[in-house]
Amino acid sequence: MGVWLNAASAATVLNIVLLLVLGSVWVRNYLEFRSKHTLGLSVFAALLLAENLLTFNYYVINRQVADYLSQADPIAGKAMMFVQVLELAAIVFLLWTTWD
């Protein structure tokens, strides 16, 4: 697997960890306040977590997909890494605003 997919895998793992933290905070807030806003944030975290778990499966667990991407189209690996890093930046920002 190429360096770009390794970077994408690392960003995906960080996304999963941070989404678990955010999701737990938002679910706890929903259970306390029962607002639609915190429910929406909780559902958003759950859906984004599902997307990242599926991506983790493609990058790490199901090596056929990662091997195919690194051999067939190296530009796709760079693009996927860029998307994961942008997603990581967005999640870090959400974490910052949630803890503030």
PDB file of N, CA and C in Angstrom:
ATOM      1  N   MET A   1       0.852  -1.177   0.000  1.00  0.00           N
ATOM      2  CA  MET A   1       0.000   0.000   0.000  1.00  0.00           C
ATOM      3  C   MET A   1       0.894   1.236   0.000  1.00  0.00           C
ATOM      4  N   GLY A   2       0.503   2.221  -0.769  1.00  0.00           N
ATOM      5  CA  GLY A   2       1.318   3.410  -0.919  1.00  0.00           C
ATOM      6  C   GLY A   2       1.232   4.344   0.277  1.00  0.00           C
ATOM      7  N   VAL A   3       2.119   5.329   0.242  1.00  0.00           N
ATOM      8  CA  VAL A   3       2.185   6.291   1.336  1.00  0.00           C
ATOM      9  C   VAL A   3       0.889   7.089   1.454  1.00  0.00           C
ATOM     10  N   TRP A   4       0.225   7.357   0.336  1.00  0.00           N
ATOM     11  CA  TRP A   4      -1.013   8.152   0.367  1.00  0.00           C
ATOM     12  C   TRP A   4      -2.133   7.376   1.044  1.00  0.00           C
ATOM     13  N   LEU A   5      -2.235   6.083   0.758  1.00  0.00           N
ATOM     14  CA  LEU A   5      -3.275   5.289   1.408  1.00  0.00           C
ATOM     15  C   LEU A   5      -2.939   5.026   2.871  1.00  0.00           C
ATOM     16  N   ASN A   6      -1.653   4.979   3.206  1.00  0.00           N
ATOM     17  CA  ASN A   6      -1.279   4.876   4.617  1.00  0.00           C
ATOM     18  C   ASN A   6      -1.706   6.131   5.373  1.00  0.00           C
ATOM     19  N   ALA A   7      -1.499   7.286   4.759  1.00  0.00           N
ATOM     20  CA  ALA A   7      -1.929   8.545   5.373  1.00  0.00           C
ATOM     21  C   ALA A   7      -3.451   8.598   5.494  1.00  0.00           C
ATOM     22  N   ALA A   8      -4.146   8.122   4.464  1.00  0.00           N
ATOM     23  CA  ALA A   8      -5.608   8.090   4.509  1.00  0.00           C
ATOM     24  C   ALA A   8      -6.086   7.135   5.599  1.00  0.00           C
ATOM     25  N   SER A   9      -5.412   6.006   5.760  1.00  0.00           N
ATOM     26  CA  SER A   9      -5.769   5.049   6.811  1.00  0.00           C
ATOM     27  C   SER A   9      -5.580   5.668   8.189  1.00  0.00           C
ATOM     28  N   ALA A  10      -4.474   6.369   8.390  1.00  0.00           N
ATOM     29  CA  ALA A  10      -4.211   7.011   9.674  1.00  0.00           C
ATOM     30  C   ALA A  10      -5.270   8.079   9.966  1.00  0.00           C
ATOM     31  N   ALA A  11      -5.609   8.874   8.965  1.00  0.00           N
ATOM     32  CA  ALA A  11      -6.635   9.907   9.147  1.00  0.00           C
ATOM     33  C   ALA A  11      -7.988   9.262   9.445  1.00  0.00           C
ATOM     34  N   THR A  12      -8.273   8.130   8.824  1.00  0.00           N
ATOM     35  CA  THR A  12      -9.532   7.431   9.063  1.00  0.00           C
ATOM     36  C   THR A  12      -9.610   6.927  10.500  1.00  0.00           C
ATOM     37  N   VAL A  13      -8.514   6.376  11.003  1.00  0.00           N
ATOM     38  CA  VAL A  13      -8.494   5.899  12.393  1.00  0.00           C
ATOM     39  C   VAL A  13      -8.709   7.066  13.361  1.00  0.00           C
ATOM     40  N   LEU A  14      -8.048   8.180  13.107  1.00  0.00           N
ATOM     41  CA  LEU A  14      -8.255   9.361  13.950  1.00  0.00           C
ATOM     42  C   LEU A  14      -9.703   9.852  13.869  1.00  0.00           C
ATOM     43  N   ASN A  15     -10.280   9.826  12.672  1.00  0.00           N
ATOM     44  CA  ASN A  15     -11.682  10.221  12.506  1.00  0.00           C
ATOM     45  C   ASN A  15     -12.590   9.340  13.362  1.00  0.00           C
ATOM     46  N   ILE A  16     -12.343   8.041  13.357  1.00  0.00           N
ATOM     47  CA  ILE A  16     -13.176   7.105  14.117  1.00  0.00           C
ATOM     48  C   ILE A  16     -13.085   7.406  15.610  1.00  0.00           C
ATOM     49  N   VAL A  17     -11.879   7.589  16.105  1.00  0.00           N
ATOM     50  CA  VAL A  17     -11.698   7.869  17.536  1.00  0.00           C
ATOM     51  C   VAL A  17     -12.385   9.178  17.924  1.00  0.00           C
ATOM     52  N   LEU A  18     -12.166  10.217  17.137  1.00  0.00           N
ATOM     53  CA  LEU A  18     -12.762  11.517  17.457  1.00  0.00           C
ATOM     54  C   LEU A  18     -14.283  11.500  17.334  1.00  0.00           C
ATOM     55  N   LEU A  19     -14.803  10.758  16.366  1.00  0.00           N
ATOM     56  CA  LEU A  19     -16.256  10.661  16.219  1.00  0.00           C
ATOM     57  C   LEU A  19     -16.883   9.894  17.377  1.00  0.00           C
ATOM     58  N   LEU A  20     -16.178   8.904  17.911  1.00  0.00           N
ATOM     59  CA  LEU A  20     -16.682   8.206  19.098  1.00  0.00           C
ATOM     60  C   LEU A  20     -16.759   9.164  20.291  1.00  0.00           C
ATOM     61  N   VAL A  21     -15.752  10.016  20.427  1.00  0.00           N
ATOM     62  CA  VAL A  21     -15.759  11.008  21.516  1.00  0.00           C
ATOM     63  C   VAL A  21     -16.899  12.003  21.313  1.00  0.00           C
ATOM     64  N   LEU A  22     -16.984  12.567  20.107  1.00  0.00           N
ATOM     65  CA  LEU A  22     -18.046  13.538  19.830  1.00  0.00           C
ATOM     66  C   LEU A  22     -19.426  12.916  19.975  1.00  0.00           C
ATOM     67  N   GLY A  23     -19.593  11.721  19.434  1.00  0.00           N
ATOM     68  CA  GLY A  23     -20.887  11.048  19.522  1.00  0.00           C
ATOM     69  C   GLY A  23     -21.310  10.811  20.960  1.00  0.00           C
ATOM     70  N   SER A  24     -20.368  10.420  21.801  1.00  0.00           N
ATOM     71  CA  SER A  24     -20.729  10.174  23.203  1.00  0.00           C
ATOM     72  C   SER A  24     -21.137  11.470  23.898  1.00  0.00           C
ATOM     73  N   VAL A  25     -20.449  12.562  23.595  1.00  0.00           N
ATOM     74  CA  VAL A  25     -20.818  13.857  24.190  1.00  0.00           C
ATOM     75  C   VAL A  25     -22.202  14.273  23.698  1.00  0.00           C
ATOM     76  N   TRP A  26     -22.432  14.161  22.401  1.00  0.00           N
ATOM     77  CA  TRP A  26     -23.709  14.611  21.840  1.00  0.00           C
ATOM     78  C   TRP A  26     -24.878  13.739  22.287  1.00  0.00           C
ATOM     79  N   VAL A  27     -24.669  12.430  22.395  1.00  0.00           N
ATOM     80  CA  VAL A  27     -25.739  11.551  22.877  1.00  0.00           C
ATOM     81  C   VAL A  27     -26.042  11.869  24.345  1.00  0.00           C
ATOM     82  N   ARG A  28     -25.009  12.056  25.136  1.00  0.00           N
ATOM     83  CA  ARG A  28     -25.202  12.401  26.550  1.00  0.00           C
ATOM     84  C   ARG A  28     -25.971  13.728  26.669  1.00  0.00           C
ATOM     85  N   ASN A  29     -25.611  14.705  25.834  1.00  0.00           N
ATOM     86  CA  ASN A  29     -26.337  15.980  25.845  1.00  0.00           C
ATOM     87  C   ASN A  29     -27.779  15.804  25.402  1.00  0.00           C
ATOM     88  N   TYR A  30     -28.013  14.944  24.414  1.00  0.00           N
ATOM     89  CA  TYR A  30     -29.385  14.708  23.966  1.00  0.00           C
ATOM     90  C   TYR A  30     -30.214  14.081  25.091  1.00  0.00           C
ATOM     91  N   LEU A  31     -29.625  13.102  25.770  1.00  0.00           N
ATOM     92  CA  LEU A  31     -30.361  12.457  26.858  1.00  0.00           C
ATOM     93  C   LEU A  31     -30.665  13.421  27.998  1.00  0.00           C
ATOM     94  N   GLU A  32     -29.821  14.425  28.163  1.00  0.00           N
ATOM     95  CA  GLU A  32     -30.048  15.400  29.227  1.00  0.00           C
ATOM     96  C   GLU A  32     -31.019  16.500  28.813  1.00  0.00           C
ATOM     97  N   PHE A  33     -30.860  17.040  27.590  1.00  0.00           N
ATOM     98  CA  PHE A  33     -31.642  18.208  27.177  1.00  0.00           C
ATOM     99  C   PHE A  33     -32.803  17.898  26.242  1.00  0.00           C
ATOM    100  N   ARG A  34     -32.749  16.783  25.547  1.00  0.00           N
ATOM    101  CA  ARG A  34     -33.805  16.381  24.597  1.00  0.00           C
ATOM    102  C   ARG A  34     -34.067  17.419  23.508  1.00  0.00           C
ATOM    103  N   SER A  35     -33.015  18.052  23.014  1.00  0.00           N
ATOM    104  CA  SER A  35     -33.208  19.038  21.948  1.00  0.00           C
ATOM    105  C   SER A  35     -32.971  18.380  20.588  1.00  0.00           C
ATOM    106  N   LYS A  36     -33.664  18.918  19.578  1.00  0.00           N
ATOM    107  CA  LYS A  36     -33.493  18.381  18.219  1.00  0.00           C
ATOM    108  C   LYS A  36     -32.085  18.635  17.703  1.00  0.00           C
ATOM    109  N   HIS A  37     -31.470  19.709  18.149  1.00  0.00           N
ATOM    110  CA  HIS A  37     -30.116  20.033  17.697  1.00  0.00           C
ATOM    111  C   HIS A  37     -29.128  18.949  18.120  1.00  0.00           C
ATOM    112  N   THR A  38     -29.184  18.549  19.386  1.00  0.00           N
ATOM    113  CA  THR A  38     -28.258  17.507  19.840  1.00  0.00           C
ATOM    114  C   THR A  38     -28.605  16.152  19.237  1.00  0.00           C
ATOM    115  N   LEU A  39     -29.881  15.912  18.963  1.00  0.00           N
ATOM    116  CA  LEU A  39     -30.266  14.682  18.263  1.00  0.00           C
ATOM    117  C   LEU A  39     -29.670  14.676  16.854  1.00  0.00           C
ATOM    118  N   GLY A  40     -29.766  15.817  16.176  1.00  0.00           N
ATOM    119  CA  GLY A  40     -29.196  15.920  14.829  1.00  0.00           C
ATOM    120  C   GLY A  40     -27.696  15.709  14.819  1.00  0.00           C
ATOM    121  N   LEU A  41     -27.005  16.282  15.808  1.00  0.00           N
ATOM    122  CA  LEU A  41     -25.558  16.082  15.903  1.00  0.00           C
ATOM    123  C   LEU A  41     -25.227  14.623  16.186  1.00  0.00           C
ATOM    124  N   SER A  42     -26.031  13.962  16.999  1.00  0.00           N
ATOM    125  CA  SER A  42     -25.807  12.552  17.313  1.00  0.00           C
ATOM    126  C   SER A  42     -25.994  11.675  16.080  1.00  0.00           C
ATOM    127  N   VAL A  43     -27.036  11.939  15.318  1.00  0.00           N
ATOM    128  CA  VAL A  43     -27.274  11.174  14.091  1.00  0.00           C
ATOM    129  C   VAL A  43     -26.162  11.447  13.074  1.00  0.00           C
ATOM    130  N   PHE A  44     -25.745  12.701  12.970  1.00  0.00           N
ATOM    131  CA  PHE A  44     -24.642  13.059  12.083  1.00  0.00           C
ATOM    132  C   PHE A  44     -23.381  12.283  12.457  1.00  0.00           C
ATOM    133  N   ALA A  45     -23.056  12.237  13.749  1.00  0.00           N
ATOM    134  CA  ALA A  45     -21.864  11.505  14.205  1.00  0.00           C
ATOM    135  C   ALA A  45     -21.994  10.025  13.889  1.00  0.00           C
ATOM    136  N   ALA A  46     -23.177   9.452  14.079  1.00  0.00           N
ATOM    137  CA  ALA A  46     -23.375   8.022  13.806  1.00  0.00           C
ATOM    138  C   ALA A  46     -23.187   7.711  12.323  1.00  0.00           C
ATOM    139  N   LEU A  47     -23.742   8.558  11.464  1.00  0.00           N
ATOM    140  CA  LEU A  47     -23.617   8.315  10.023  1.00  0.00           C
ATOM    141  C   LEU A  47     -22.178   8.512   9.540  1.00  0.00           C
ATOM    142  N   LEU A  48     -21.522   9.541  10.039  1.00  0.00           N
ATOM    143  CA  LEU A  48     -20.130   9.772   9.659  1.00  0.00           C
ATOM    144  C   LEU A  48     -19.228   8.676  10.213  1.00  0.00           C
ATOM    145  N   LEU A  49     -19.552   8.169  11.390  1.00  0.00           N
ATOM    146  CA  LEU A  49     -18.806   7.050  11.954  1.00  0.00           C
ATOM    147  C   LEU A  49     -18.974   5.805  11.082  1.00  0.00           C
ATOM    148  N   ALA A  50     -20.189   5.546  10.621  1.00  0.00           N
ATOM    149  CA  ALA A  50     -20.420   4.397   9.739  1.00  0.00           C
ATOM    150  C   ALA A  50     -19.612   4.534   8.452  1.00  0.00           C
ATOM    151  N   GLU A  51     -19.574   5.733   7.898  1.00  0.00           N
ATOM    152  CA  GLU A  51     -18.779   5.962   6.674  1.00  0.00           C
ATOM    153  C   GLU A  51     -17.301   5.700   6.931  1.00  0.00           C
ATOM    154  N   ASN A  52     -16.793   6.153   8.055  1.00  0.00           N
ATOM    155  CA  ASN A  52     -15.382   5.967   8.367  1.00  0.00           C
ATOM    156  C   ASN A  52     -15.056   4.512   8.681  1.00  0.00           C
ATOM    157  N   LEU A  53     -15.973   3.794   9.314  1.00  0.00           N
ATOM    158  CA  LEU A  53     -15.750   2.368   9.557  1.00  0.00           C
ATOM    159  C   LEU A  53     -15.708   1.589   8.250  1.00  0.00           C
ATOM    160  N   LEU A  54     -16.569   1.951   7.317  1.00  0.00           N
ATOM    161  CA  LEU A  54     -16.538   1.314   6.004  1.00  0.00           C
ATOM    162  C   LEU A  54     -15.234   1.638   5.271  1.00  0.00           C
ATOM    163  N   THR A  55     -14.799   2.870   5.366  1.00  0.00           N
ATOM    164  CA  THR A  55     -13.531   3.269   4.757  1.00  0.00           C
ATOM    165  C   THR A  55     -12.371   2.523   5.396  1.00  0.00           C
ATOM    166  N   PHE A  56     -12.386   2.384   6.720  1.00  0.00           N
ATOM    167  CA  PHE A  56     -11.353   1.617   7.423  1.00  0.00           C
ATOM    168  C   PHE A  56     -11.321   0.177   6.925  1.00  0.00           C
ATOM    169  N   ASN A  57     -12.499  -0.391   6.692  1.00  0.00           N
ATOM    170  CA  ASN A  57     -12.574  -1.735   6.144  1.00  0.00           C
ATOM    171  C   ASN A  57     -11.883  -1.812   4.788  1.00  0.00           C
ATOM    172  N   TYR A  58     -12.122  -0.828   3.940  1.00  0.00           N
ATOM    173  CA  TYR A  58     -11.509  -0.832   2.613  1.00  0.00           C
ATOM    174  C   TYR A  58     -10.000  -0.635   2.671  1.00  0.00           C
ATOM    175  N   TYR A  59      -9.532   0.230   3.554  1.00  0.00           N
ATOM    176  CA  TYR A  59      -8.105   0.547   3.613  1.00  0.00           C
ATOM    177  C   TYR A  59      -7.280  -0.493   4.358  1.00  0.00           C
ATOM    178  N   VAL A  60      -7.826  -1.056   5.434  1.00  0.00           N
ATOM    179  CA  VAL A  60      -7.021  -1.880   6.329  1.00  0.00           C
ATOM    180  C   VAL A  60      -7.441  -3.353   6.319  1.00  0.00           C
ATOM    181  N   ILE A  61      -8.719  -3.622   6.490  1.00  0.00           N
ATOM    182  CA  ILE A  61      -9.169  -5.006   6.636  1.00  0.00           C
ATOM    183  C   ILE A  61      -9.234  -5.717   5.294  1.00  0.00           C
ATOM    184  N   ASN A  62      -9.878  -5.108   4.303  1.00  0.00           N
ATOM    185  CA  ASN A  62     -10.006  -5.697   2.977  1.00  0.00           C
ATOM    186  C   ASN A  62      -8.866  -5.182   2.100  1.00  0.00           C
ATOM    187  N   ARG A  63      -7.759  -5.856   2.152  1.00  0.00           N
ATOM    188  CA  ARG A  63      -6.541  -5.394   1.483  1.00  0.00           C
ATOM    189  C   ARG A  63      -6.671  -5.392  -0.048  1.00  0.00           C
ATOM    190  N   GLN A  64      -7.596  -6.129  -0.608  1.00  0.00           N
ATOM    191  CA  GLN A  64      -7.755  -6.145  -2.063  1.00  0.00           C
ATOM    192  C   GLN A  64      -8.080  -4.759  -2.603  1.00  0.00           C
ATOM    193  N   VAL A  65      -8.958  -4.059  -1.918  1.00  0.00           N
ATOM    194  CA  VAL A  65      -9.347  -2.727  -2.381  1.00  0.00           C
ATOM    195  C   VAL A  65      -8.161  -1.778  -2.300  1.00  0.00           C
ATOM    196  N   ALA A  66      -7.440  -1.798  -1.181  1.00  0.00           N
ATOM    197  CA  ALA A  66      -6.282  -0.917  -1.018  1.00  0.00           C
ATOM    198  C   ALA A  66      -5.202  -1.233  -2.044  1.00  0.00           C
ATOM    199  N   ASP A  67      -4.944  -2.505  -2.277  1.00  0.00           N
ATOM    200  CA  ASP A  67      -3.945  -2.886  -3.278  1.00  0.00           C
ATOM    201  C   ASP A  67      -4.372  -2.441  -4.672  1.00  0.00           C
ATOM    202  N   TYR A  68      -5.659  -2.620  -4.975  1.00  0.00           N
ATOM    203  CA  TYR A  68      -6.161  -2.206  -6.279  1.00  0.00           C
ATOM    204  C   TYR A  68      -6.000  -0.693  -6.473  1.00  0.00           C
ATOM    205  N   LEU A  69      -6.364   0.064  -5.440  1.00  0.00           N
ATOM    206  CA  LEU A  69      -6.277   1.514  -5.558  1.00  0.00           C
ATOM    207  C   LEU A  69      -4.830   1.981  -5.716  1.00  0.00           C
ATOM    208  N   SER A  70      -3.917   1.378  -4.979  1.00  0.00           N
ATOM    209  CA  SER A  70      -2.527   1.827  -5.066  1.00  0.00           C
ATOM    210  C   SER A  70      -1.873   1.416  -6.383  1.00  0.00           C
ATOM    211  N   GLN A  71      -2.316   0.324  -6.987  1.00  0.00           N
ATOM    212  CA  GLN A  71      -1.718  -0.136  -8.241  1.00  0.00           C
ATOM    213  C   GLN A  71      -2.417   0.441  -9.462  1.00  0.00           C
ATOM    214  N   ALA A  72      -3.722   0.474  -9.439  1.00  0.00           N
ATOM    215  CA  ALA A  72      -4.477   0.857 -10.631  1.00  0.00           C
ATOM    216  C   ALA A  72      -4.496   2.365 -10.851  1.00  0.00           C
ATOM    217  N   ASP A  73      -4.651   3.119  -9.782  1.00  0.00           N
ATOM    218  CA  ASP A  73      -4.796   4.561  -9.947  1.00  0.00           C
ATOM    219  C   ASP A  73      -4.184   5.291  -8.753  1.00  0.00           C
ATOM    220  N   PRO A  74      -2.893   5.627  -8.840  1.00  0.00           N
ATOM    221  CA  PRO A  74      -2.252   6.300  -7.702  1.00  0.00           C
ATOM    222  C   PRO A  74      -2.841   7.683  -7.408  1.00  0.00           C
ATOM    223  N   ILE A  75      -3.424   8.325  -8.404  1.00  0.00           N
ATOM    224  CA  ILE A  75      -4.047   9.627  -8.173  1.00  0.00           C
ATOM    225  C   ILE A  75      -5.272   9.475  -7.276  1.00  0.00           C
ATOM    226  N   ALA A  76      -5.972   8.356  -7.403  1.00  0.00           N
ATOM    227  CA  ALA A  76      -7.130   8.114  -6.536  1.00  0.00           C
ATOM    228  C   ALA A  76      -6.712   8.017  -5.082  1.00  0.00           C
ATOM    229  N   GLY A  77      -5.577   7.404  -4.806  1.00  0.00           N
ATOM    230  CA  GLY A  77      -5.075   7.316  -3.438  1.00  0.00           C
ATOM    231  C   GLY A  77      -4.781   8.681  -2.859  1.00  0.00           C
ATOM    232  N   LYS A  78      -4.193   9.551  -3.662  1.00  0.00           N
ATOM    233  CA  LYS A  78      -3.922  10.917  -3.199  1.00  0.00           C
ATOM    234  C   LYS A  78      -5.222  11.669  -2.934  1.00  0.00           C
ATOM    235  N   ALA A  79      -6.179  11.514  -3.819  1.00  0.00           N
ATOM    236  CA  ALA A  79      -7.460  12.201  -3.654  1.00  0.00           C
ATOM    237  C   ALA A  79      -8.195  11.700  -2.419  1.00  0.00           C
ATOM    238  N   MET A  80      -8.174  10.391  -2.194  1.00  0.00           N
ATOM    239  CA  MET A  80      -8.857   9.830  -1.033  1.00  0.00           C
ATOM    240  C   MET A  80      -8.174  10.263   0.261  1.00  0.00           C
ATOM    241  N   MET A  81      -6.848  10.360   0.249  1.00  0.00           N
ATOM    242  CA  MET A  81      -6.124  10.848   1.416  1.00  0.00           C
ATOM    243  C   MET A  81      -6.515  12.293   1.702  1.00  0.00           C
ATOM    244  N   PHE A  82      -6.607  13.111   0.662  1.00  0.00           N
ATOM    245  CA  PHE A  82      -6.961  14.513   0.825  1.00  0.00           C
ATOM    246  C   PHE A  82      -8.359  14.658   1.428  1.00  0.00           C
ATOM    247  N   VAL A  83      -9.299  13.838   0.970  1.00  0.00           N
ATOM    248  CA  VAL A  83     -10.667  13.882   1.499  1.00  0.00           C
ATOM    249  C   VAL A  83     -10.672  13.487   2.972  1.00  0.00           C
ATOM    250  N   GLN A  84      -9.936  12.441   3.335  1.00  0.00           N
ATOM    251  CA  GLN A  84      -9.893  12.003   4.733  1.00  0.00           C
ATOM    252  C   GLN A  84      -9.246  13.056   5.634  1.00  0.00           C
ATOM    253  N   VAL A  85      -8.218  13.719   5.136  1.00  0.00           N
ATOM    254  CA  VAL A  85      -7.558  14.758   5.927  1.00  0.00           C
ATOM    255  C   VAL A  85      -8.478  15.969   6.090  1.00  0.00           C
ATOM    256  N   LEU A  86      -9.208  16.340   5.041  1.00  0.00           N
ATOM    257  CA  LEU A  86     -10.187  17.426   5.168  1.00  0.00           C
ATOM    258  C   LEU A  86     -11.275  17.063   6.174  1.00  0.00           C
ATOM    259  N   GLU A  87     -11.721  15.829   6.125  1.00  0.00           N
ATOM    260  CA  GLU A  87     -12.729  15.366   7.068  1.00  0.00           C
ATOM    261  C   GLU A  87     -12.182  15.402   8.497  1.00  0.00           C
ATOM    262  N   LEU A  88     -10.929  15.015   8.664  1.00  0.00           N
ATOM    263  CA  LEU A  88     -10.285  15.071   9.976  1.00  0.00           C
ATOM    264  C   LEU A  88     -10.242  16.507  10.491  1.00  0.00           C
ATOM    265  N   ALA A  89      -9.910  17.446   9.626  1.00  0.00           N
ATOM    266  CA  ALA A  89      -9.870  18.860  10.034  1.00  0.00           C
ATOM    267  C   ALA A  89     -11.255  19.327  10.472  1.00  0.00           C
ATOM    268  N   ALA A  90     -12.285  18.929   9.755  1.00  0.00           N
ATOM    269  CA  ALA A  90     -13.649  19.323  10.117  1.00  0.00           C
ATOM    270  C   ALA A  90     -14.051  18.717  11.459  1.00  0.00           C
ATOM    271  N   ILE A  91     -13.686  17.467  11.705  1.00  0.00           N
ATOM    272  CA  ILE A  91     -14.030  16.808  12.959  1.00  0.00           C
ATOM    273  C   ILE A  91     -13.266  17.440  14.119  1.00  0.00           C
ATOM    274  N   VAL A  92     -12.007  17.779  13.906  1.00  0.00           N
ATOM    275  CA  VAL A  92     -11.226  18.450  14.950  1.00  0.00           C
ATOM    276  C   VAL A  92     -11.863  19.796  15.291  1.00  0.00           C
ATOM    277  N   PHE A  93     -12.325  20.520  14.283  1.00  0.00           N
ATOM    278  CA  PHE A  93     -12.995  21.795  14.541  1.00  0.00           C
ATOM    279  C   PHE A  93     -14.275  21.587  15.334  1.00  0.00           C
ATOM    280  N   LEU A  94     -15.063  20.565  14.978  1.00  0.00           N
ATOM    281  CA  LEU A  94     -16.275  20.267  15.731  1.00  0.00           C
ATOM    282  C   LEU A  94     -15.953  19.874  17.173  1.00  0.00           C
ATOM    283  N   LEU A  95     -14.881  19.128  17.353  1.00  0.00           N
ATOM    284  CA  LEU A  95     -14.465  18.750  18.701  1.00  0.00           C
ATOM    285  C   LEU A  95     -14.083  19.987  19.508  1.00  0.00           C
ATOM    286  N   TRP A  96     -13.377  20.906  18.889  1.00  0.00           N
ATOM    287  CA  TRP A  96     -12.972  22.143  19.556  1.00  0.00           C
ATOM    288  C   TRP A  96     -14.199  22.962  19.973  1.00  0.00           C
ATOM    289  N   THR A  97     -15.173  23.095  19.067  1.00  0.00           N
ATOM    290  CA  THR A  97     -16.362  23.881  19.407  1.00  0.00           C
ATOM    291  C   THR A  97     -17.233  23.164  20.444  1.00  0.00           C
ATOM    292  N   THR A  98     -17.211  21.850  20.436  1.00  0.00           N
ATOM    293  CA  THR A  98     -18.007  21.097  21.415  1.00  0.00           C
ATOM    294  C   THR A  98     -17.419  21.220  22.814  1.00  0.00           C
ATOM    295  N   TRP A  99     -16.083  21.167  22.926  1.00  0.00           N
ATOM    296  CA  TRP A  99     -15.446  21.229  24.233  1.00  0.00           C
ATOM    297  C   TRP A  99     -15.325  22.654  24.767  1.00  0.00           C
ATOM    298  N   ASP A 100     -15.486  23.631  23.910  1.00  0.00           N
ATOM    299  CA  ASP A 100     -15.320  25.022  24.336  1.00  0.00           C
ATOM    300  C   ASP A 100     -16.470  25.490  25.196  1.00  0.00           C
TER     301      ASP A 100
END
